[in-house]
Amino acid sequence: MTTGADPAGLSVSDAVARRIKEARGRRGWTAKQLAEQCAARGLPRLTHSVLNNIESGRHNAAGERKRDVTVDELVGLAMVLDVAPLHLLALPEGADKDTAVRLLPDVAVSDNQALVLWMRGEKALPANDARLYYSSTMERLPAVDSQRTTADFARSVLQDRAKEIVQGFNEQTAQLAASAAARMQSLITEAEQALGEGASPEEVMALLKQASES
């Protein structure tokens, strides 16, 4: 689910930090042990202190993180923890149903499946331009996955075309309604003018009939 009005929730780095903590917990590692593993794998900068800062975020009084997770850190930690990078980008385990990850200041996602599918390139979010999302995804997916994405892409194109048709129909209907209203007003004006000049009811009816047929 996405929301569009200053949604509350976790920043992406907040969510990643919690997933890192969960992943090392499943390995039975403390933050210090994770730092040792990082050093052994050639990541000496991910010290115990750095990892503590990543997991805590060092939030300020406004609740904003002072320490975000970089892409390099996310990928390196995924390797050390033996998980996919995508695993660290999902919603934290045990999060309640209202917990959301803010992707933009006005876009947050609380549906973990929708979040993961978006990250995997399988399904656009409502805030996306679906045509651009699916067309770029199809360039990199294997053939089997590409077929499913192609179907989603075709569906989004058809939906957009349907919206255009409906919009065009509504605009045309509005124009016809305005034209009919103007014509009706014109007939009323002509009838009133005829009556004012002393025309009989029969003559007015004939005038209206002739005008409606023209």
Protein backbone atom coordinates (compact mmCIF):
# COMPACT_ATOMS: atom_id res chain seq x y z
CA MET A 1 0.00 0.00 0.00
CA THR A 2 1.30 3.45 -0.82
CA THR A 3 0.31 6.77 0.65
CA GLY A 4 0.92 10.23 -0.68
CA ALA A 5 0.51 12.81 2.07
CA ASP A 6 3.62 13.17 4.24
CA PRO A 7 3.50 9.49 5.31
CA ALA A 8 5.03 8.42 8.58
CA GLY A 9 7.33 5.44 8.65
CA LEU A 10 10.90 4.22 8.47
CA SER A 11 13.50 5.72 6.21
CA VAL A 12 15.12 3.23 3.84
CA SER A 13 18.26 3.30 6.02
CA ASP A 14 16.16 2.69 9.15
CA ALA A 15 14.65 -0.41 7.56
CA VAL A 16 18.04 -1.64 6.30
CA ALA A 17 19.64 -1.12 9.72
CA ARG A 18 16.97 -3.21 11.41
CA ARG A 19 17.31 -5.94 8.79
CA ILE A 20 21.10 -6.00 9.31
CA LYS A 21 20.59 -6.43 13.04
CA GLU A 22 18.06 -9.23 12.40
CA ALA A 23 20.39 -10.99 9.95
CA ARG A 24 23.38 -10.95 12.29
CA GLY A 25 21.11 -12.13 15.10
CA ARG A 26 20.17 -15.20 13.06
CA ARG A 27 23.88 -15.90 12.65
CA GLY A 28 24.27 -15.59 16.40
CA TRP A 29 26.72 -12.72 16.01
CA THR A 30 27.12 -9.63 18.13
CA ALA A 31 27.90 -6.34 16.41
CA LYS A 32 31.54 -6.85 17.43
CA GLN A 33 31.62 -10.31 15.85
CA LEU A 34 30.06 -8.95 12.67
CA ALA A 35 32.78 -6.29 12.57
CA GLU A 36 35.40 -9.03 12.91
CA GLN A 37 33.83 -10.95 10.04
CA CYS A 38 33.78 -7.77 7.92
CA ALA A 39 37.48 -7.18 8.62
CA ALA A 40 38.26 -10.78 7.68
CA ARG A 41 36.44 -10.28 4.36
CA GLY A 42 38.35 -7.10 3.49
CA LEU A 43 35.96 -4.52 4.95
CA PRO A 44 38.00 -3.06 7.84
CA ARG A 45 36.09 0.23 7.76
CA LEU A 46 32.98 -1.54 9.04
CA THR A 47 34.23 -1.45 12.60
CA HIS A 48 32.25 -2.23 15.72
CA SER A 49 31.68 1.50 16.23
CA VAL A 50 30.56 2.03 12.63
CA LEU A 51 28.14 -0.90 12.81
CA ASN A 52 26.68 0.44 16.06
CA ASN A 53 26.17 3.79 14.36
CA ILE A 54 24.53 2.12 11.36
CA GLU A 55 22.15 0.09 13.51
CA SER A 56 21.29 2.95 15.87
CA GLY A 57 21.17 5.62 13.16
CA ARG A 58 22.28 8.22 15.72
CA HIS A 59 18.92 9.96 15.40
CA ASN A 60 18.74 13.65 16.24
CA ALA A 61 16.02 15.39 18.27
CA ALA A 62 13.79 15.53 15.19
CA GLY A 63 14.07 11.77 14.73
CA GLU A 64 16.27 12.03 11.63
CA ARG A 65 19.20 9.67 11.12
CA LYS A 66 22.67 11.17 11.33
CA ARG A 67 24.14 7.99 9.84
CA ASP A 68 22.57 6.52 6.69
CA VAL A 69 23.60 3.20 5.12
CA THR A 70 25.54 3.53 1.89
CA VAL A 71 25.05 1.26 -1.11
CA ASP A 72 28.60 -0.07 -0.71
CA GLU A 73 27.94 -0.94 2.92
CA LEU A 74 24.64 -2.63 2.11
CA VAL A 75 26.21 -4.84 -0.57
CA GLY A 76 29.27 -5.65 1.56
CA LEU A 77 27.16 -6.57 4.59
CA ALA A 78 24.88 -8.72 2.42
CA MET A 79 27.95 -10.67 1.30
CA VAL A 80 29.30 -11.10 4.83
CA LEU A 81 25.90 -12.08 6.21
CA ASP A 82 25.25 -14.44 3.26
CA VAL A 83 21.94 -12.84 2.30
CA ALA A 84 20.74 -11.17 -0.87
CA PRO A 85 20.99 -7.36 -0.88
CA LEU A 86 17.24 -7.36 -1.45
CA HIS A 87 16.81 -9.19 1.85
CA LEU A 88 18.21 -6.16 3.66
CA LEU A 89 15.84 -3.78 1.87
CA ALA A 90 12.57 -5.36 2.97
CA LEU A 91 10.41 -4.34 5.90
CA PRO A 92 11.76 -5.49 9.29
CA GLU A 93 10.53 -8.81 10.64
CA GLY A 94 7.67 -8.52 13.11
CA ALA A 95 6.78 -5.02 11.93
CA ASP A 96 3.12 -4.22 12.48
CA LYS A 97 0.86 -3.82 9.46
CA ASP A 98 0.99 -0.03 9.61
CA THR A 99 4.79 0.16 9.44
CA ALA A 100 5.89 1.71 6.16
CA VAL A 101 9.17 2.45 4.39
CA ARG A 102 9.45 5.96 2.96
CA LEU A 103 10.74 5.84 -0.60
CA LEU A 104 10.07 9.54 -1.15
CA PRO A 105 8.80 12.25 1.19
CA ASP A 106 5.31 11.70 -0.24
CA VAL A 107 5.49 7.96 -1.00
CA ALA A 108 5.64 5.19 1.62
CA VAL A 109 5.03 1.45 1.27
CA SER A 110 3.60 -0.69 4.07
CA ASP A 111 2.95 -3.80 1.95
CA ASN A 112 6.16 -5.85 2.11
CA GLN A 113 5.23 -8.00 -0.88
CA ALA A 114 4.56 -4.91 -3.01
CA LEU A 115 7.89 -3.45 -1.85
CA VAL A 116 9.85 -6.59 -2.71
CA LEU A 117 8.16 -7.05 -6.10
CA TRP A 118 8.96 -3.44 -6.95
CA MET A 119 12.59 -3.88 -5.98
CA ARG A 120 12.82 -7.10 -8.00
CA GLY A 121 11.47 -5.32 -11.07
CA GLU A 122 8.30 -7.42 -11.16
CA LYS A 123 5.54 -4.95 -10.34
CA ALA A 124 5.33 -1.18 -10.52
CA LEU A 125 4.05 0.82 -7.58
CA PRO A 126 1.06 3.14 -8.09
CA ALA A 127 3.42 6.11 -7.87
CA ASN A 128 5.49 4.82 -10.82
CA ASP A 129 5.11 5.52 -14.52
CA ALA A 130 4.22 1.88 -15.30
CA ARG A 131 5.27 2.07 -18.96
CA LEU A 132 8.78 3.27 -18.15
CA TYR A 133 9.11 0.86 -15.22
CA TYR A 134 8.20 -2.26 -17.21
CA SER A 135 10.03 -1.28 -20.40
CA SER A 136 13.30 -0.75 -18.48
CA THR A 137 12.76 -3.95 -16.47
CA MET A 138 12.27 -6.06 -19.60
CA GLU A 139 15.75 -5.12 -20.82
CA ARG A 140 17.40 -7.03 -17.95
CA LEU A 141 15.09 -9.88 -17.02
CA PRO A 142 15.53 -13.51 -18.15
CA ALA A 143 13.15 -14.68 -20.87
CA VAL A 144 10.66 -16.37 -18.51
CA ASP A 145 10.39 -13.39 -16.18
CA SER A 146 10.38 -11.05 -19.16
CA GLN A 147 7.22 -12.72 -20.49
CA ARG A 148 5.36 -11.96 -17.28
CA THR A 149 6.67 -8.42 -17.24
CA THR A 150 5.68 -7.99 -20.87
CA ALA A 151 2.13 -8.97 -19.94
CA ASP A 152 2.13 -6.44 -17.10
CA PHE A 153 3.56 -3.83 -19.45
CA ALA A 154 0.84 -4.55 -22.04
CA ARG A 155 -1.78 -4.33 -19.32
CA SER A 156 -0.50 -0.95 -18.17
CA VAL A 157 -0.49 0.33 -21.76
CA LEU A 158 -4.08 -0.86 -22.26
CA GLN A 159 -5.13 0.71 -18.96
CA ASP A 160 -3.57 4.01 -19.97
CA ARG A 161 -5.28 3.81 -23.37
CA ALA A 162 -8.60 3.04 -21.70
CA LYS A 163 -8.18 6.11 -19.49
CA GLU A 164 -7.46 8.22 -22.57
CA ILE A 165 -10.57 6.87 -24.32
CA VAL A 166 -12.76 7.51 -21.27
CA GLN A 167 -11.34 11.00 -20.90
CA GLY A 168 -11.95 11.69 -24.59
CA PHE A 169 -15.50 10.36 -24.31
CA ASN A 170 -16.17 12.50 -21.25
CA GLU A 171 -14.82 15.59 -23.00
CA GLN A 172 -16.91 14.85 -26.10
CA THR A 173 -19.99 14.25 -23.94
CA ALA A 174 -19.43 17.54 -22.14
CA GLN A 175 -19.13 19.35 -25.47
CA LEU A 176 -22.35 17.76 -26.74
CA ALA A 177 -24.14 18.65 -23.52
CA ALA A 178 -22.95 22.25 -23.77
CA SER A 179 -24.02 22.42 -27.40
CA ALA A 180 -27.46 20.99 -26.59
CA ALA A 181 -27.91 23.45 -23.73
CA ALA A 182 -26.97 26.36 -25.97
CA ARG A 183 -29.38 25.13 -28.65
CA MET A 184 -32.17 24.76 -26.10
CA GLN A 185 -31.59 28.29 -24.83
CA SER A 186 -31.67 29.56 -28.39
CA LEU A 187 -35.02 27.83 -29.02
CA ILE A 188 -36.47 29.29 -25.83
CA THR A 189 -35.30 32.77 -26.83
CA GLU A 190 -36.83 32.42 -30.30
CA ALA A 191 -40.11 31.17 -28.84
CA GLU A 192 -40.29 34.03 -26.34
CA GLN A 193 -39.53 36.52 -29.10
CA ALA A 194 -42.25 35.05 -31.31
CA LEU A 195 -44.80 35.19 -28.51
CA GLY A 196 -43.81 38.77 -27.80
CA GLU A 197 -44.51 39.66 -31.43
CA GLY A 198 -48.02 38.18 -31.15
CA ALA A 199 -47.51 34.71 -32.67
CA SER A 200 -50.17 32.11 -31.89
CA PRO A 201 -49.36 28.93 -29.89
CA GLU A 202 -49.64 26.94 -33.12
CA GLU A 203 -47.13 29.21 -34.84
CA VAL A 204 -44.73 28.93 -31.89
CA MET A 205 -45.00 25.10 -31.93
CA ALA A 206 -44.31 25.08 -35.66
CA LEU A 207 -41.28 27.31 -35.09
CA LEU A 208 -39.92 25.01 -32.39
CA LYS A 209 -40.49 21.92 -34.53
CA GLN A 210 -38.75 23.48 -37.51
CA ALA A 211 -35.84 24.63 -35.36
CA SER A 212 -35.40 21.20 -33.71
CA GLU A 213 -35.27 19.48 -37.10
CA SER A 214 -32.70 21.84 -38.56
